[in-house]
Amino acid sequence: MSDGAVADRKLHPAALLLTFVRRLPEFVLGIPAVAYFGGGVSMGTAIALAALGFALSMAYAWLVWSRFSYGAGASEFVIESGLFARNRRAIPYERVSDVNITRPLLARLLGVAVIAIETGAGGKDEGKLECVSLDEAARLRDLIRLRKAGAAPDRADAAGPAAEPLIFAMSIGRVLLAGLFGFSLVFLAVLGGIVENVTNWLPLGELDPERYLDGRQAKLAGAVALAWTLTAAALLILVGMVSGVVRAIVRDFGFRLTRAAA
């Protein structure tokens, strides 16, 4: 039975930017590009469509943010959302199996975090707060855990971010090392496929060394071809390492493993 918990808190204002970025490819880039390249509209019309898409994306982001709220009651956590039809989701603390805090790349750049409230044996996300401050994330995690354990309301309400012993952290050196040896062969295969298709449209015949060598120098053609092959292989490996470093930085930079109180 509901304890009358009130959803009186809003997400961090940075949620506006996160929602806008998610809609950016569709409204600001996708539709104008399709209209310009596929619909035969003028550049001015495409720019106007991009401006309209920008305005619509900002309006949508504000509506989503303004209509989303959450709150912690004595026995349940509530989330209210919905642009037109309001949806109220109540999560009893006794059903919560864990509170997961994650920080994707954009969230780290903005100094915020994502909270996922997991329930059930399968660890299903019953509720998610896409953008809260780091202090609020720690406060909610500790509050939910304390109330799940049956702590008194006044003690749970006073719960704040507690210092947690650091177990492991990904320094920039570790991230770079992991990236150098963590590039994907699939990426190289995709890149090789792109290069192979692009070469069909390039005048690579002009680079054939046999076109510029006389009879006495023709025997050097094999060595030149081998040099080209080795250079291409080295470039592919370099690109693969760079892509691995970029992926590692995006995925692991700032990773910290701490031990939270039970």
C-alpha atoms as a PDB file:
ATOM      1  CA  MET A   1       0.000   0.000   0.000  1.00  0.00           C
ATOM      2  CA  SER A   2       1.302   3.453  -0.876  1.00  0.00           C
ATOM      3  CA  ASP A   3       2.576   5.587   1.986  1.00  0.00           C
ATOM      4  CA  GLY A   4       1.668   8.828   0.207  1.00  0.00           C
ATOM      5  CA  ALA A   5       5.240   9.632  -0.830  1.00  0.00           C
ATOM      6  CA  VAL A   6       5.498  12.935  -2.683  1.00  0.00           C
ATOM      7  CA  ALA A   7       7.541  13.252  -5.885  1.00  0.00           C
ATOM      8  CA  ASP A   8       8.853  16.729  -5.124  1.00  0.00           C
ATOM      9  CA  ARG A   9      12.370  16.628  -6.602  1.00  0.00           C
ATOM     10  CA  LYS A  10      13.555  17.389 -10.115  1.00  0.00           C
ATOM     11  CA  LEU A  11      16.481  16.005 -12.068  1.00  0.00           C
ATOM     12  CA  HIS A  12      19.642  18.072 -12.426  1.00  0.00           C
ATOM     13  CA  PRO A  13      19.242  20.851 -15.043  1.00  0.00           C
ATOM     14  CA  ALA A  14      21.971  19.149 -17.081  1.00  0.00           C
ATOM     15  CA  ALA A  15      19.255  16.637 -18.005  1.00  0.00           C
ATOM     16  CA  LEU A  16      18.040  19.262 -20.489  1.00  0.00           C
ATOM     17  CA  LEU A  17      21.327  19.031 -22.363  1.00  0.00           C
ATOM     18  CA  LEU A  18      21.399  15.224 -22.220  1.00  0.00           C
ATOM     19  CA  THR A  19      17.901  14.966 -23.706  1.00  0.00           C
ATOM     20  CA  PHE A  20      18.744  17.553 -26.361  1.00  0.00           C
ATOM     21  CA  VAL A  21      21.894  15.674 -27.396  1.00  0.00           C
ATOM     22  CA  ARG A  22      19.877  12.459 -27.812  1.00  0.00           C
ATOM     23  CA  ARG A  23      17.479  14.209 -30.180  1.00  0.00           C
ATOM     24  CA  LEU A  24      20.225  16.095 -32.016  1.00  0.00           C
ATOM     25  CA  PRO A  25      20.987  13.471 -34.719  1.00  0.00           C
ATOM     26  CA  GLU A  26      17.320  13.134 -35.649  1.00  0.00           C
ATOM     27  CA  PHE A  27      15.929  16.670 -35.549  1.00  0.00           C
ATOM     28  CA  VAL A  28      18.930  18.957 -36.093  1.00  0.00           C
ATOM     29  CA  LEU A  29      21.099  16.804 -38.377  1.00  0.00           C
ATOM     30  CA  GLY A  30      19.079  13.937 -39.835  1.00  0.00           C
ATOM     31  CA  ILE A  31      15.930  15.596 -41.173  1.00  0.00           C
ATOM     32  CA  PRO A  32      17.720  18.625 -42.752  1.00  0.00           C
ATOM     33  CA  ALA A  33      20.340  16.318 -44.339  1.00  0.00           C
ATOM     34  CA  VAL A  34      17.673  14.027 -45.837  1.00  0.00           C
ATOM     35  CA  ALA A  35      15.718  17.044 -47.096  1.00  0.00           C
ATOM     36  CA  TYR A  36      18.812  18.610 -48.678  1.00  0.00           C
ATOM     37  CA  PHE A  37      20.379  15.532 -50.271  1.00  0.00           C
ATOM     38  CA  GLY A  38      17.244  13.525 -50.966  1.00  0.00           C
ATOM     39  CA  GLY A  39      14.485  16.092 -51.278  1.00  0.00           C
ATOM     40  CA  GLY A  40      16.219  18.640 -53.456  1.00  0.00           C
ATOM     41  CA  VAL A  41      15.553  21.576 -51.123  1.00  0.00           C
ATOM     42  CA  SER A  42      17.873  24.563 -51.049  1.00  0.00           C
ATOM     43  CA  MET A  43      20.635  25.061 -48.504  1.00  0.00           C
ATOM     44  CA  GLY A  44      18.675  27.921 -46.952  1.00  0.00           C
ATOM     45  CA  THR A  45      15.651  25.655 -46.428  1.00  0.00           C
ATOM     46  CA  ALA A  46      17.856  22.957 -44.904  1.00  0.00           C
ATOM     47  CA  ILE A  47      19.343  25.503 -42.480  1.00  0.00           C
ATOM     48  CA  ALA A  48      15.836  26.686 -41.590  1.00  0.00           C
ATOM     49  CA  LEU A  49      14.812  23.069 -40.920  1.00  0.00           C
ATOM     50  CA  ALA A  50      17.896  22.621 -38.725  1.00  0.00           C
ATOM     51  CA  ALA A  51      16.972  25.768 -36.750  1.00  0.00           C
ATOM     52  CA  LEU A  52      13.400  24.510 -36.358  1.00  0.00           C
ATOM     53  CA  GLY A  53      14.705  21.115 -35.266  1.00  0.00           C
ATOM     54  CA  PHE A  54      16.956  22.821 -32.720  1.00  0.00           C
ATOM     55  CA  ALA A  55      13.996  24.714 -31.255  1.00  0.00           C
ATOM     56  CA  LEU A  56      11.812  21.592 -31.182  1.00  0.00           C
ATOM     57  CA  SER A  57      14.578  19.578 -29.509  1.00  0.00           C
ATOM     58  CA  MET A  58      15.017  22.209 -26.804  1.00  0.00           C
ATOM     59  CA  ALA A  59      11.262  22.393 -26.237  1.00  0.00           C
ATOM     60  CA  TYR A  60      11.028  18.605 -26.018  1.00  0.00           C
ATOM     61  CA  ALA A  61      13.952  18.462 -23.573  1.00  0.00           C
ATOM     62  CA  TRP A  62      12.311  21.069 -21.317  1.00  0.00           C
ATOM     63  CA  LEU A  63       8.946  19.263 -21.380  1.00  0.00           C
ATOM     64  CA  VAL A  64      10.549  15.930 -20.460  1.00  0.00           C
ATOM     65  CA  TRP A  65      12.534  17.560 -17.635  1.00  0.00           C
ATOM     66  CA  SER A  66       9.589  19.552 -16.253  1.00  0.00           C
ATOM     67  CA  ARG A  67       7.265  16.534 -16.223  1.00  0.00           C
ATOM     68  CA  PHE A  68       9.697  14.186 -14.469  1.00  0.00           C
ATOM     69  CA  SER A  69       9.957  14.161 -10.666  1.00  0.00           C
ATOM     70  CA  TYR A  70      10.872  11.740  -7.908  1.00  0.00           C
ATOM     71  CA  GLY A  71      10.730  11.435  -4.138  1.00  0.00           C
ATOM     72  CA  ALA A  72      11.518   9.108  -1.235  1.00  0.00           C
ATOM     73  CA  GLY A  73       8.745   8.165   1.161  1.00  0.00           C
ATOM     74  CA  ALA A  74       8.913   6.186   4.372  1.00  0.00           C
ATOM     75  CA  SER A  75       8.421   2.806   2.686  1.00  0.00           C
ATOM     76  CA  GLU A  76       8.742   3.414  -1.067  1.00  0.00           C
ATOM     77  CA  PHE A  77      10.518   5.423  -3.730  1.00  0.00           C
ATOM     78  CA  VAL A  78       8.251   7.112  -6.278  1.00  0.00           C
ATOM     79  CA  ILE A  79       8.855   8.381  -9.809  1.00  0.00           C
ATOM     80  CA  GLU A  80       6.334  10.440 -11.768  1.00  0.00           C
ATOM     81  CA  SER A  81       6.722  11.002 -15.503  1.00  0.00           C
ATOM     82  CA  GLY A  82       4.765  11.398 -18.737  1.00  0.00           C
ATOM     83  CA  LEU A  83       4.266  14.348 -21.061  1.00  0.00           C
ATOM     84  CA  PHE A  84       0.478  14.005 -21.370  1.00  0.00           C
ATOM     85  CA  ALA A  85      -0.676  11.009 -19.329  1.00  0.00           C
ATOM     86  CA  ARG A  86       0.985  11.012 -15.918  1.00  0.00           C
ATOM     87  CA  ASN A  87       2.590   7.763 -14.788  1.00  0.00           C
ATOM     88  CA  ARG A  88       3.381   7.182 -11.100  1.00  0.00           C
ATOM     89  CA  ARG A  89       5.727   4.331 -10.269  1.00  0.00           C
ATOM     90  CA  ALA A  90       6.120   3.272  -6.644  1.00  0.00           C
ATOM     91  CA  ILE A  91       9.063   1.023  -5.707  1.00  0.00           C
ATOM     92  CA  PRO A  92       8.882  -0.491  -2.198  1.00  0.00           C
ATOM     93  CA  TYR A  93      12.273  -0.463  -0.500  1.00  0.00           C
ATOM     94  CA  GLU A  94      11.877  -4.126   0.446  1.00  0.00           C
ATOM     95  CA  ARG A  95      11.956  -5.042  -3.262  1.00  0.00           C
ATOM     96  CA  VAL A  96      15.159  -3.122  -4.008  1.00  0.00           C
ATOM     97  CA  SER A  97      18.124  -5.402  -4.629  1.00  0.00           C
ATOM     98  CA  ASP A  98      20.698  -2.700  -5.412  1.00  0.00           C
ATOM     99  CA  VAL A  99      21.167   0.947  -6.329  1.00  0.00           C
ATOM    100  CA  ASN A 100      23.576   1.313  -9.231  1.00  0.00           C
ATOM    101  CA  ILE A 101      25.343   4.615  -9.949  1.00  0.00           C
ATOM    102  CA  THR A 102      26.931   5.001 -13.384  1.00  0.00           C
ATOM    103  CA  ARG A 103      28.683   7.895 -15.110  1.00  0.00           C
ATOM    104  CA  PRO A 104      28.836   7.703 -18.926  1.00  0.00           C
ATOM    105  CA  LEU A 105      31.185  10.026 -20.790  1.00  0.00           C
ATOM    106  CA  LEU A 106      28.787  12.958 -21.190  1.00  0.00           C
ATOM    107  CA  ALA A 107      27.648  12.608 -17.579  1.00  0.00           C
ATOM    108  CA  ARG A 108      31.271  12.746 -16.417  1.00  0.00           C
ATOM    109  CA  LEU A 109      31.869  15.873 -18.491  1.00  0.00           C
ATOM    110  CA  LEU A 110      28.819  17.509 -16.889  1.00  0.00           C
ATOM    111  CA  GLY A 111      29.666  16.329 -13.365  1.00  0.00           C
ATOM    112  CA  VAL A 112      26.470  14.298 -12.908  1.00  0.00           C
ATOM    113  CA  ALA A 113      25.485  10.643 -12.552  1.00  0.00           C
ATOM    114  CA  VAL A 114      22.792   8.137 -13.520  1.00  0.00           C
ATOM    115  CA  ILE A 115      20.971   6.125 -10.832  1.00  0.00           C
ATOM    116  CA  ALA A 116      19.343   2.782 -11.594  1.00  0.00           C
ATOM    117  CA  ILE A 117      17.199   1.172  -8.883  1.00  0.00           C
ATOM    118  CA  GLU A 118      17.331  -2.585  -9.364  1.00  0.00           C
ATOM    119  CA  THR A 119      14.719  -5.021  -8.081  1.00  0.00           C
ATOM    120  CA  GLY A 120      14.263  -8.773  -8.206  1.00  0.00           C
ATOM    121  CA  ALA A 121      16.756 -11.586  -8.519  1.00  0.00           C
ATOM    122  CA  GLY A 122      17.543 -10.679 -12.120  1.00  0.00           C
ATOM    123  CA  GLY A 123      18.680  -7.179 -11.225  1.00  0.00           C
ATOM    124  CA  LYS A 124      16.001  -5.539 -13.405  1.00  0.00           C
ATOM    125  CA  ASP A 125      16.019  -1.730 -13.500  1.00  0.00           C
ATOM    126  CA  GLU A 126      12.713  -0.761 -11.934  1.00  0.00           C
ATOM    127  CA  GLY A 127      13.451   2.958 -11.907  1.00  0.00           C
ATOM    128  CA  LYS A 128      16.095   5.193 -13.413  1.00  0.00           C
ATOM    129  CA  LEU A 129      17.115   8.789 -12.752  1.00  0.00           C
ATOM    130  CA  GLU A 130      19.028   9.905 -15.831  1.00  0.00           C
ATOM    131  CA  CYS A 131      20.742  12.952 -14.372  1.00  0.00           C
ATOM    132  CA  VAL A 132      21.381  13.840 -10.723  1.00  0.00           C
ATOM    133  CA  SER A 133      24.284  15.529  -8.985  1.00  0.00           C
ATOM    134  CA  LEU A 134      26.997  13.354  -7.460  1.00  0.00           C
ATOM    135  CA  ASP A 135      25.987  14.338  -3.917  1.00  0.00           C
ATOM    136  CA  GLU A 136      22.343  13.567  -4.653  1.00  0.00           C
ATOM    137  CA  ALA A 137      23.287  10.197  -6.158  1.00  0.00           C
ATOM    138  CA  ALA A 138      25.251   9.227  -3.052  1.00  0.00           C
ATOM    139  CA  ARG A 139      22.494  10.532  -0.764  1.00  0.00           C
ATOM    140  CA  LEU A 140      19.776   8.551  -2.525  1.00  0.00           C
ATOM    141  CA  ARG A 141      21.850   5.373  -2.596  1.00  0.00           C
ATOM    142  CA  ASP A 142      22.549   5.558   1.140  1.00  0.00           C
ATOM    143  CA  LEU A 143      18.971   6.574   1.961  1.00  0.00           C
ATOM    144  CA  ILE A 144      17.415   3.697   0.006  1.00  0.00           C
ATOM    145  CA  ARG A 145      19.816   1.172   1.495  1.00  0.00           C
ATOM    146  CA  LEU A 146      19.156   2.412   5.035  1.00  0.00           C
ATOM    147  CA  ARG A 147      15.380   2.332   4.586  1.00  0.00           C
ATOM    148  CA  LYS A 148      15.572  -1.122   3.042  1.00  0.00           C
ATOM    149  CA  ALA A 149      17.460  -2.215   6.164  1.00  0.00           C
ATOM    150  CA  GLY A 150      14.700  -0.702   8.323  1.00  0.00           C
ATOM    151  CA  ALA A 151      16.556   2.358   9.561  1.00  0.00           C
ATOM    152  CA  ALA A 152      14.543   5.030  11.309  1.00  0.00           C
ATOM    153  CA  PRO A 153      13.211   7.745   8.986  1.00  0.00           C
ATOM    154  CA  ASP A 154      15.161  10.516  10.720  1.00  0.00           C
ATOM    155  CA  ARG A 155      18.428   8.605  10.394  1.00  0.00           C
ATOM    156  CA  ALA A 156      17.754   7.801   6.735  1.00  0.00           C
ATOM    157  CA  ASP A 157      16.815  11.376   5.918  1.00  0.00           C
ATOM    158  CA  ALA A 158      20.056  12.557   7.458  1.00  0.00           C
ATOM    159  CA  ALA A 159      22.084  10.128   5.401  1.00  0.00           C
ATOM    160  CA  GLY A 160      24.615  11.917   3.275  1.00  0.00           C
ATOM    161  CA  PRO A 161      27.518  10.944   1.059  1.00  0.00           C
ATOM    162  CA  ALA A 162      29.745   8.793   3.218  1.00  0.00           C
ATOM    163  CA  ALA A 163      33.443   8.426   2.619  1.00  0.00           C
ATOM    164  CA  GLU A 164      34.093   5.079   0.962  1.00  0.00           C
ATOM    165  CA  PRO A 165      37.469   3.305   0.947  1.00  0.00           C
ATOM    166  CA  LEU A 166      39.009   3.303  -2.515  1.00  0.00           C
ATOM    167  CA  ILE A 167      39.831  -0.194  -3.785  1.00  0.00           C
ATOM    168  CA  PHE A 168      40.920   0.503  -7.361  1.00  0.00           C
ATOM    169  CA  ALA A 169      41.064   3.456  -9.763  1.00  0.00           C
ATOM    170  CA  MET A 170      41.848   3.667 -13.479  1.00  0.00           C
ATOM    171  CA  SER A 171      44.628   6.212 -13.787  1.00  0.00           C
ATOM    172  CA  ILE A 172      45.363   7.764 -17.168  1.00  0.00           C
ATOM    173  CA  GLY A 173      48.392   5.470 -17.517  1.00  0.00           C
ATOM    174  CA  ARG A 174      46.289   2.361 -17.004  1.00  0.00           C
ATOM    175  CA  VAL A 175      43.649   3.647 -19.431  1.00  0.00           C
ATOM    176  CA  LEU A 176      46.257   4.291 -22.149  1.00  0.00           C
ATOM    177  CA  LEU A 177      47.891   0.900 -21.618  1.00  0.00           C
ATOM    178  CA  ALA A 178      44.536  -0.880 -21.791  1.00  0.00           C
ATOM    179  CA  GLY A 179      43.678   1.033 -24.961  1.00  0.00           C
ATOM    180  CA  LEU A 180      46.936   0.203 -26.739  1.00  0.00           C
ATOM    181  CA  PHE A 181      46.326  -3.519 -26.371  1.00  0.00           C
ATOM    182  CA  GLY A 182      42.547  -3.413 -26.509  1.00  0.00           C
ATOM    183  CA  PHE A 183      41.803  -2.340 -30.059  1.00  0.00           C
ATOM    184  CA  SER A 184      39.230  -4.404 -31.890  1.00  0.00           C
ATOM    185  CA  LEU A 185      40.100  -6.512 -34.946  1.00  0.00           C
ATOM    186  CA  VAL A 186      36.484  -6.029 -36.011  1.00  0.00           C
ATOM    187  CA  PHE A 187      37.198  -2.309 -36.351  1.00  0.00           C
ATOM    188  CA  LEU A 188      40.177  -3.064 -38.585  1.00  0.00           C
ATOM    189  CA  ALA A 189      38.064  -5.429 -40.688  1.00  0.00           C
ATOM    190  CA  VAL A 190      35.381  -2.764 -41.140  1.00  0.00           C
ATOM    191  CA  LEU A 191      38.022  -0.170 -41.998  1.00  0.00           C
ATOM    192  CA  GLY A 192      39.613  -2.557 -44.490  1.00  0.00           C
ATOM    193  CA  GLY A 193      36.235  -3.140 -46.127  1.00  0.00           C
ATOM    194  CA  ILE A 194      35.662   0.596 -46.445  1.00  0.00           C
ATOM    195  CA  VAL A 195      39.111   1.097 -47.959  1.00  0.00           C
ATOM    196  CA  GLU A 196      38.536  -1.736 -50.413  1.00  0.00           C
ATOM    197  CA  ASN A 197      35.283  -0.204 -51.628  1.00  0.00           C
ATOM    198  CA  VAL A 198      36.697   3.312 -51.785  1.00  0.00           C
ATOM    199  CA  THR A 199      39.681   2.201 -53.855  1.00  0.00           C
ATOM    200  CA  ASN A 200      37.309   1.203 -56.647  1.00  0.00           C
ATOM    201  CA  TRP A 201      36.602   4.904 -57.147  1.00  0.00           C
ATOM    202  CA  LEU A 202      40.184   6.135 -56.869  1.00  0.00           C
ATOM    203  CA  PRO A 203      42.768   6.282 -59.707  1.00  0.00           C
ATOM    204  CA  LEU A 204      45.133   3.919 -57.926  1.00  0.00           C
ATOM    205  CA  GLY A 205      46.450   2.745 -61.265  1.00  0.00           C
ATOM    206  CA  GLU A 206      48.472   5.931 -61.339  1.00  0.00           C
ATOM    207  CA  LEU A 207      50.337   4.649 -58.284  1.00  0.00           C
ATOM    208  CA  ASP A 208      51.373   1.404 -59.999  1.00  0.00           C
ATOM    209  CA  PRO A 209      55.201   1.511 -59.932  1.00  0.00           C
ATOM    210  CA  GLU A 210      55.459  -0.494 -63.188  1.00  0.00           C
ATOM    211  CA  ARG A 211      54.060   2.493 -65.081  1.00  0.00           C
ATOM    212  CA  TYR A 212      57.155   4.502 -64.230  1.00  0.00           C
ATOM    213  CA  LEU A 213      59.893   1.874 -64.353  1.00  0.00           C
ATOM    214  CA  ASP A 214      61.823   0.805 -67.459  1.00  0.00           C
ATOM    215  CA  GLY A 215      62.898  -2.761 -68.148  1.00  0.00           C
ATOM    216  CA  ARG A 216      66.004  -2.618 -65.973  1.00  0.00           C
ATOM    217  CA  GLN A 217      64.070  -1.210 -63.020  1.00  0.00           C
ATOM    218  CA  ALA A 218      61.044  -3.475 -63.316  1.00  0.00           C
ATOM    219  CA  LYS A 219      62.581  -5.912 -60.850  1.00  0.00           C
ATOM    220  CA  LEU A 220      62.221  -3.208 -58.198  1.00  0.00           C
ATOM    221  CA  ALA A 221      58.439  -3.241 -58.603  1.00  0.00           C
ATOM    222  CA  GLY A 222      58.063  -6.139 -56.159  1.00  0.00           C
ATOM    223  CA  ALA A 223      60.069  -4.334 -53.497  1.00  0.00           C
ATOM    224  CA  VAL A 224      58.015  -1.182 -53.980  1.00  0.00           C
ATOM    225  CA  ALA A 225      54.776  -3.155 -53.727  1.00  0.00           C
ATOM    226  CA  LEU A 226      56.022  -4.803 -50.537  1.00  0.00           C
ATOM    227  CA  ALA A 227      56.857  -1.386 -49.100  1.00  0.00           C
ATOM    228  CA  TRP A 228      53.333  -0.197 -49.906  1.00  0.00           C
ATOM    229  CA  THR A 229      51.850  -3.272 -48.215  1.00  0.00           C
ATOM    230  CA  LEU A 230      53.960  -2.874 -45.065  1.00  0.00           C
ATOM    231  CA  THR A 231      53.128   0.831 -44.877  1.00  0.00           C
ATOM    232  CA  ALA A 232      49.399   0.116 -45.194  1.00  0.00           C
ATOM    233  CA  ALA A 233      49.620  -2.575 -42.499  1.00  0.00           C
ATOM    234  CA  ALA A 234      51.483  -0.204 -40.161  1.00  0.00           C
ATOM    235  CA  LEU A 235      48.860   2.494 -40.722  1.00  0.00           C
ATOM    236  CA  LEU A 236      46.050   0.041 -39.964  1.00  0.00           C
ATOM    237  CA  ILE A 237      47.733  -1.033 -36.733  1.00  0.00           C
ATOM    238  CA  LEU A 238      48.289   2.617 -35.773  1.00  0.00           C
ATOM    239  CA  VAL A 239      44.663   3.486 -36.473  1.00  0.00           C
ATOM    240  CA  GLY A 240      43.574   0.437 -34.475  1.00  0.00           C
ATOM    241  CA  MET A 241      45.689   1.470 -31.481  1.00  0.00           C
ATOM    242  CA  VAL A 242      44.411   5.043 -31.618  1.00  0.00           C
ATOM    243  CA  SER A 243      40.815   3.806 -31.783  1.00  0.00           C
ATOM    244  CA  GLY A 244      41.490   1.487 -28.844  1.00  0.00           C
ATOM    245  CA  VAL A 245      42.884   4.345 -26.762  1.00  0.00           C
ATOM    246  CA  VAL A 246      39.874   6.536 -27.591  1.00  0.00           C
ATOM    247  CA  ARG A 247      37.454   3.738 -26.665  1.00  0.00           C
ATOM    248  CA  ALA A 248      39.304   3.076 -23.418  1.00  0.00           C
ATOM    249  CA  ILE A 249      39.272   6.759 -22.444  1.00  0.00           C
ATOM    250  CA  VAL A 250      35.555   7.049 -23.173  1.00  0.00           C
ATOM    251  CA  ARG A 251      34.749   3.826 -21.318  1.00  0.00           C
ATOM    252  CA  ASP A 252      37.204   3.666 -18.420  1.00  0.00           C
ATOM    253  CA  PHE A 253      38.698   7.073 -17.635  1.00  0.00           C
ATOM    254  CA  GLY A 254      37.647   8.075 -14.139  1.00  0.00           C
ATOM    255  CA  PHE A 255      36.615   4.520 -13.184  1.00  0.00           C
ATOM    256  CA  ARG A 256      36.748   3.999  -9.412  1.00  0.00           C
ATOM    257  CA  LEU A 257      35.970   0.936  -7.359  1.00  0.00           C
ATOM    258  CA  THR A 258      35.054   1.674  -3.745  1.00  0.00           C
ATOM    259  CA  ARG A 259      33.660  -0.317  -0.839  1.00  0.00           C
ATOM    260  CA  ALA A 260      30.339   0.989   0.413  1.00  0.00           C
ATOM    261  CA  ALA A 261      28.964   0.301   3.848  1.00  0.00           C
ATOM    262  CA  ALA A 262      26.373  -2.455   3.959  1.00  0.00           C
END
